[in-house]
Amino acid sequence: MADTTRITVTLPTEQVAELKKLTDNVSGYVAEAVARRLRHHLLGGGSAEPQGRARSLQHGGVG
């Protein structure tokens, strides 16, 4: 399992209510959303190295 770090994120109440309708695991949902955004960002670079790093992030690695 990948190392984790606990953080606090402040979201609008309406977003939290909608998240809780979608999932019981808000932390996991947010982690997946962040990983997708990071992959998108890293894949936009066009070099081979960022693609390998994006794959690592997809599987819980640090890069």
PDB file of N, CA and C in Angstrom:
ATOM      1  N   MET A   1       0.839  -1.185   0.000  1.00  0.00           N
ATOM      2  CA  MET A   1       0.000   0.000   0.000  1.00  0.00           C
ATOM      3  C   MET A   1       0.880   1.243   0.000  1.00  0.00           C
ATOM      4  N   ALA A   2       0.435   2.255  -0.705  1.00  0.00           N
ATOM      5  CA  ALA A   2       1.193   3.504  -0.802  1.00  0.00           C
ATOM      6  C   ALA A   2       1.149   4.259   0.514  1.00  0.00           C
ATOM      7  N   ASP A   3       2.209   5.011   0.781  1.00  0.00           N
ATOM      8  CA  ASP A   3       2.209   5.888   1.946  1.00  0.00           C
ATOM      9  C   ASP A   3       1.123   6.938   1.774  1.00  0.00           C
ATOM     10  N   THR A   4       0.571   7.387   2.870  1.00  0.00           N
ATOM     11  CA  THR A   4      -0.452   8.428   2.817  1.00  0.00           C
ATOM     12  C   THR A   4      -0.098   9.544   3.777  1.00  0.00           C
ATOM     13  N   THR A   5      -0.637  10.710   3.511  1.00  0.00           N
ATOM     14  CA  THR A   5      -0.503  11.867   4.379  1.00  0.00           C
ATOM     15  C   THR A   5      -1.885  12.442   4.588  1.00  0.00           C
ATOM     16  N   ARG A   6      -2.237  12.676   5.822  1.00  0.00           N
ATOM     17  CA  ARG A   6      -3.544  13.250   6.135  1.00  0.00           C
ATOM     18  C   ARG A   6      -3.488  14.754   5.937  1.00  0.00           C
ATOM     19  N   ILE A   7      -4.493  15.271   5.217  1.00  0.00           N
ATOM     20  CA  ILE A   7      -4.614  16.716   5.025  1.00  0.00           C
ATOM     21  C   ILE A   7      -6.054  17.120   5.297  1.00  0.00           C
ATOM     22  N   THR A   8      -6.270  18.387   5.456  1.00  0.00           N
ATOM     23  CA  THR A   8      -7.623  18.919   5.616  1.00  0.00           C
ATOM     24  C   THR A   8      -7.956  19.713   4.361  1.00  0.00           C
ATOM     25  N   VAL A   9      -9.123  19.436   3.802  1.00  0.00           N
ATOM     26  CA  VAL A   9      -9.588  20.140   2.613  1.00  0.00           C
ATOM     27  C   VAL A   9     -10.926  20.775   2.951  1.00  0.00           C
ATOM     28  N   THR A  10     -11.076  22.034   2.621  1.00  0.00           N
ATOM     29  CA  THR A  10     -12.338  22.733   2.859  1.00  0.00           C
ATOM     30  C   THR A  10     -13.102  22.820   1.546  1.00  0.00           C
ATOM     31  N   LEU A  11     -14.319  22.302   1.564  1.00  0.00           N
ATOM     32  CA  LEU A  11     -15.181  22.310   0.386  1.00  0.00           C
ATOM     33  C   LEU A  11     -16.510  22.952   0.741  1.00  0.00           C
ATOM     34  N   PRO A  12     -17.191  23.497  -0.252  1.00  0.00           N
ATOM     35  CA  PRO A  12     -18.525  24.022   0.012  1.00  0.00           C
ATOM     36  C   PRO A  12     -19.453  22.905   0.523  1.00  0.00           C
ATOM     37  N   THR A  13     -20.326  23.244   1.436  1.00  0.00           N
ATOM     38  CA  THR A  13     -21.236  22.273   2.052  1.00  0.00           C
ATOM     39  C   THR A  13     -22.019  21.501   1.000  1.00  0.00           C
ATOM     40  N   GLU A  14     -22.459  22.186  -0.055  1.00  0.00           N
ATOM     41  CA  GLU A  14     -23.243  21.534  -1.106  1.00  0.00           C
ATOM     42  C   GLU A  14     -22.430  20.440  -1.805  1.00  0.00           C
ATOM     43  N   GLN A  15     -21.146  20.688  -2.036  1.00  0.00           N
ATOM     44  CA  GLN A  15     -20.300  19.682  -2.674  1.00  0.00           C
ATOM     45  C   GLN A  15     -20.143  18.461  -1.783  1.00  0.00           C
ATOM     46  N   VAL A  16     -19.950  18.681  -0.509  1.00  0.00           N
ATOM     47  CA  VAL A  16     -19.799  17.565   0.424  1.00  0.00           C
ATOM     48  C   VAL A  16     -21.086  16.735   0.468  1.00  0.00           C
ATOM     49  N   ALA A  17     -22.219  17.403   0.489  1.00  0.00           N
ATOM     50  CA  ALA A  17     -23.503  16.685   0.503  1.00  0.00           C
ATOM     51  C   ALA A  17     -23.645  15.826  -0.749  1.00  0.00           C
ATOM     52  N   GLU A  18     -23.280  16.364  -1.906  1.00  0.00           N
ATOM     53  CA  GLU A  18     -23.372  15.593  -3.150  1.00  0.00           C
ATOM     54  C   GLU A  18     -22.373  14.441  -3.169  1.00  0.00           C
ATOM     55  N   LEU A  19     -21.162  14.683  -2.659  1.00  0.00           N
ATOM     56  CA  LEU A  19     -20.168  13.610  -2.574  1.00  0.00           C
ATOM     57  C   LEU A  19     -20.678  12.454  -1.727  1.00  0.00           C
ATOM     58  N   LYS A  20     -21.283  12.775  -0.597  1.00  0.00           N
ATOM     59  CA  LYS A  20     -21.779  11.731   0.304  1.00  0.00           C
ATOM     60  C   LYS A  20     -22.929  10.947  -0.306  1.00  0.00           C
ATOM     61  N   LYS A  21     -23.641  11.545  -1.267  1.00  0.00           N
ATOM     62  CA  LYS A  21     -24.685  10.811  -1.988  1.00  0.00           C
ATOM     63  C   LYS A  21     -24.062   9.802  -2.955  1.00  0.00           C
ATOM     64  N   LEU A  22     -22.877  10.152  -3.465  1.00  0.00           N
ATOM     65  CA  LEU A  22     -22.215   9.314  -4.454  1.00  0.00           C
ATOM     66  C   LEU A  22     -21.384   8.191  -3.845  1.00  0.00           C
ATOM     67  N   THR A  23     -20.824   8.444  -2.662  1.00  0.00           N
ATOM     68  CA  THR A  23     -19.873   7.478  -2.104  1.00  0.00           C
ATOM     69  C   THR A  23     -19.832   7.549  -0.583  1.00  0.00           C
ATOM     70  N   ASP A  24     -19.492   6.426   0.025  1.00  0.00           N
ATOM     71  CA  ASP A  24     -19.235   6.392   1.465  1.00  0.00           C
ATOM     72  C   ASP A  24     -17.764   6.699   1.751  1.00  0.00           C
ATOM     73  N   ASN A  25     -16.938   6.690   0.700  1.00  0.00           N
ATOM     74  CA  ASN A  25     -15.500   6.889   0.843  1.00  0.00           C
ATOM     75  C   ASN A  25     -15.099   8.208   0.178  1.00  0.00           C
ATOM     76  N   VAL A  26     -15.388   9.316   0.836  1.00  0.00           N
ATOM     77  CA  VAL A  26     -15.088  10.637   0.278  1.00  0.00           C
ATOM     78  C   VAL A  26     -13.586  10.790   0.060  1.00  0.00           C
ATOM     79  N   SER A  27     -12.790  10.328   0.983  1.00  0.00           N
ATOM     80  CA  SER A  27     -11.336  10.429   0.859  1.00  0.00           C
ATOM     81  C   SER A  27     -10.850   9.704  -0.396  1.00  0.00           C
ATOM     82  N   GLY A  28     -11.330   8.501  -0.621  1.00  0.00           N
ATOM     83  CA  GLY A  28     -10.950   7.735  -1.802  1.00  0.00           C
ATOM     84  C   GLY A  28     -11.400   8.416  -3.084  1.00  0.00           C
ATOM     85  N   TYR A  29     -12.594   8.976  -3.059  1.00  0.00           N
ATOM     86  CA  TYR A  29     -13.137   9.676  -4.221  1.00  0.00           C
ATOM     87  C   TYR A  29     -12.264  10.885  -4.569  1.00  0.00           C
ATOM     88  N   VAL A  30     -11.914  11.656  -3.555  1.00  0.00           N
ATOM     89  CA  VAL A  30     -11.082  12.842  -3.768  1.00  0.00           C
ATOM     90  C   VAL A  30      -9.684  12.426  -4.234  1.00  0.00           C
ATOM     91  N   ALA A  31      -9.125  11.379  -3.633  1.00  0.00           N
ATOM     92  CA  ALA A  31      -7.797  10.903  -4.037  1.00  0.00           C
ATOM     93  C   ALA A  31      -7.802  10.481  -5.502  1.00  0.00           C
ATOM     94  N   GLU A  32      -8.859   9.806  -5.945  1.00  0.00           N
ATOM     95  CA  GLU A  32      -8.955   9.398  -7.350  1.00  0.00           C
ATOM     96  C   GLU A  32      -9.063  10.623  -8.264  1.00  0.00           C
ATOM     97  N   ALA A  33      -9.849  11.602  -7.855  1.00  0.00           N
ATOM     98  CA  ALA A  33      -9.998  12.827  -8.656  1.00  0.00           C
ATOM     99  C   ALA A  33      -8.658  13.564  -8.778  1.00  0.00           C
ATOM    100  N   VAL A  34      -7.917  13.629  -7.694  1.00  0.00           N
ATOM    101  CA  VAL A  34      -6.610  14.297  -7.715  1.00  0.00           C
ATOM    102  C   VAL A  34      -5.642  13.515  -8.608  1.00  0.00           C
ATOM    103  N   ALA A  35      -5.645  12.193  -8.498  1.00  0.00           N
ATOM    104  CA  ALA A  35      -4.759  11.373  -9.332  1.00  0.00           C
ATOM    105  C   ALA A  35      -5.081  11.567 -10.813  1.00  0.00           C
ATOM    106  N   ARG A  36      -6.361  11.626 -11.161  1.00  0.00           N
ATOM    107  CA  ARG A  36      -6.748  11.857 -12.559  1.00  0.00           C
ATOM    108  C   ARG A  36      -6.251  13.220 -13.039  1.00  0.00           C
ATOM    109  N   ARG A  37      -6.413  14.220 -12.210  1.00  0.00           N
ATOM    110  CA  ARG A  37      -5.980  15.574 -12.589  1.00  0.00           C
ATOM    111  C   ARG A  37      -4.463  15.626 -12.758  1.00  0.00           C
ATOM    112  N   LEU A  38      -3.732  14.975 -11.857  1.00  0.00           N
ATOM    113  CA  LEU A  38      -2.273  14.937 -11.964  1.00  0.00           C
ATOM    114  C   LEU A  38      -1.843  14.194 -13.223  1.00  0.00           C
ATOM    115  N   ARG A  39      -2.481  13.063 -13.527  1.00  0.00           N
ATOM    116  CA  ARG A  39      -2.154  12.330 -14.751  1.00  0.00           C
ATOM    117  C   ARG A  39      -2.398  13.209 -15.967  1.00  0.00           C
ATOM    118  N   HIS A  40      -3.532  13.898 -15.989  1.00  0.00           N
ATOM    119  CA  HIS A  40      -3.854  14.783 -17.109  1.00  0.00           C
ATOM    120  C   HIS A  40      -2.765  15.853 -17.274  1.00  0.00           C
ATOM    121  N   HIS A  41      -2.369  16.435 -16.171  1.00  0.00           N
ATOM    122  CA  HIS A  41      -1.329  17.472 -16.185  1.00  0.00           C
ATOM    123  C   HIS A  41       0.003  16.897 -16.680  1.00  0.00           C
ATOM    124  N   LEU A  42       0.372  15.751 -16.144  1.00  0.00           N
ATOM    125  CA  LEU A  42       1.661  15.154 -16.497  1.00  0.00           C
ATOM    126  C   LEU A  42       1.686  14.654 -17.935  1.00  0.00           C
ATOM    127  N   LEU A  43       0.585  14.128 -18.420  1.00  0.00           N
ATOM    128  CA  LEU A  43       0.549  13.617 -19.787  1.00  0.00           C
ATOM    129  C   LEU A  43       0.548  14.738 -20.813  1.00  0.00           C
ATOM    130  N   GLY A  44       0.200  15.935 -20.395  1.00  0.00           N
ATOM    131  CA  GLY A  44       0.201  17.073 -21.307  1.00  0.00           C
ATOM    132  C   GLY A  44       1.590  17.521 -21.708  1.00  0.00           C
ATOM    133  N   GLY A  45       2.621  17.055 -21.002  1.00  0.00           N
ATOM    134  CA  GLY A  45       3.988  17.484 -21.279  1.00  0.00           C
ATOM    135  C   GLY A  45       4.580  16.925 -22.556  1.00  0.00           C
ATOM    136  N   GLY A  46       4.115  15.752 -22.988  1.00  0.00           N
ATOM    137  CA  GLY A  46       4.565  15.180 -24.245  1.00  0.00           C
ATOM    138  C   GLY A  46       5.841  14.362 -24.188  1.00  0.00           C
ATOM    139  N   SER A  47       6.560  14.318 -23.066  1.00  0.00           N
ATOM    140  CA  SER A  47       7.772  13.503 -23.002  1.00  0.00           C
ATOM    141  C   SER A  47       7.459  12.149 -22.380  1.00  0.00           C
ATOM    142  N   ALA A  48       8.353  11.203 -22.528  1.00  0.00           N
ATOM    143  CA  ALA A  48       8.124   9.844 -22.012  1.00  0.00           C
ATOM    144  C   ALA A  48       8.167   9.806 -20.488  1.00  0.00           C
ATOM    145  N   GLU A  49       9.013  10.600 -19.881  1.00  0.00           N
ATOM    146  CA  GLU A  49       9.167  10.574 -18.418  1.00  0.00           C
ATOM    147  C   GLU A  49       7.869  10.908 -17.690  1.00  0.00           C
ATOM    148  N   PRO A  50       7.152  11.966 -18.072  1.00  0.00           N
ATOM    149  CA  PRO A  50       5.904  12.246 -17.368  1.00  0.00           C
ATOM    150  C   PRO A  50       4.874  11.124 -17.499  1.00  0.00           C
ATOM    151  N   GLN A  51       4.868  10.409 -18.627  1.00  0.00           N
ATOM    152  CA  GLN A  51       3.918   9.310 -18.783  1.00  0.00           C
ATOM    153  C   GLN A  51       4.218   8.203 -17.782  1.00  0.00           C
ATOM    154  N   GLY A  52       5.481   7.879 -17.589  1.00  0.00           N
ATOM    155  CA  GLY A  52       5.851   6.875 -16.596  1.00  0.00           C
ATOM    156  C   GLY A  52       5.481   7.322 -15.192  1.00  0.00           C
ATOM    157  N   ARG A  53       5.670   8.595 -14.933  1.00  0.00           N
ATOM    158  CA  ARG A  53       5.309   9.145 -13.626  1.00  0.00           C
ATOM    159  C   ARG A  53       3.801   9.101 -13.426  1.00  0.00           C
ATOM    160  N   ALA A  54       3.036   9.381 -14.470  1.00  0.00           N
ATOM    161  CA  ALA A  54       1.574   9.324 -14.378  1.00  0.00           C
ATOM    162  C   ALA A  54       1.121   7.901 -14.084  1.00  0.00           C
ATOM    163  N   ARG A  55       1.747   6.913 -14.718  1.00  0.00           N
ATOM    164  CA  ARG A  55       1.388   5.518 -14.436  1.00  0.00           C
ATOM    165  C   ARG A  55       1.687   5.176 -12.980  1.00  0.00           C
ATOM    166  N   SER A  56       2.792   5.655 -12.480  1.00  0.00           N
ATOM    167  CA  SER A  56       3.154   5.419 -11.085  1.00  0.00           C
ATOM    168  C   SER A  56       2.102   6.024 -10.145  1.00  0.00           C
ATOM    169  N   LEU A  57       1.669   7.236 -10.434  1.00  0.00           N
ATOM    170  CA  LEU A  57       0.653   7.890  -9.614  1.00  0.00           C
ATOM    171  C   LEU A  57      -0.662   7.128  -9.657  1.00  0.00           C
ATOM    172  N   GLN A  58      -0.989   6.577 -10.818  1.00  0.00           N
ATOM    173  CA  GLN A  58      -2.223   5.823 -10.961  1.00  0.00           C
ATOM    174  C   GLN A  58      -2.215   4.624 -10.025  1.00  0.00           C
ATOM    175  N   HIS A  59      -1.055   4.071  -9.761  1.00  0.00           N
ATOM    176  CA  HIS A  59      -0.943   2.890  -8.911  1.00  0.00           C
ATOM    177  C   HIS A  59      -0.496   3.242  -7.493  1.00  0.00           C
ATOM    178  N   GLY A  60      -0.630   4.492  -7.123  1.00  0.00           N
ATOM    179  CA  GLY A  60      -0.367   4.901  -5.751  1.00  0.00           C
ATOM    180  C   GLY A  60       1.073   5.264  -5.469  1.00  0.00           C
ATOM    181  N   GLY A  61       1.914   5.330  -6.481  1.00  0.00           N
ATOM    182  CA  GLY A  61       3.317   5.689  -6.269  1.00  0.00           C
ATOM    183  C   GLY A  61       3.494   7.187  -6.156  1.00  0.00           C
ATOM    184  N   VAL A  62       4.705   7.580  -5.793  1.00  0.00           N
ATOM    185  CA  VAL A  62       4.997   8.995  -5.658  1.00  0.00           C
ATOM    186  C   VAL A  62       5.621   9.547  -6.929  1.00  0.00           C
ATOM    187  N   GLY A  63       6.047   8.716  -7.811  1.00  0.00           N
ATOM    188  CA  GLY A  63       6.619   9.207  -9.061  1.00  0.00           C
ATOM    189  C   GLY A  63       7.959   8.729  -9.242  1.00  0.00           C
TER     190      GLY A  63
END
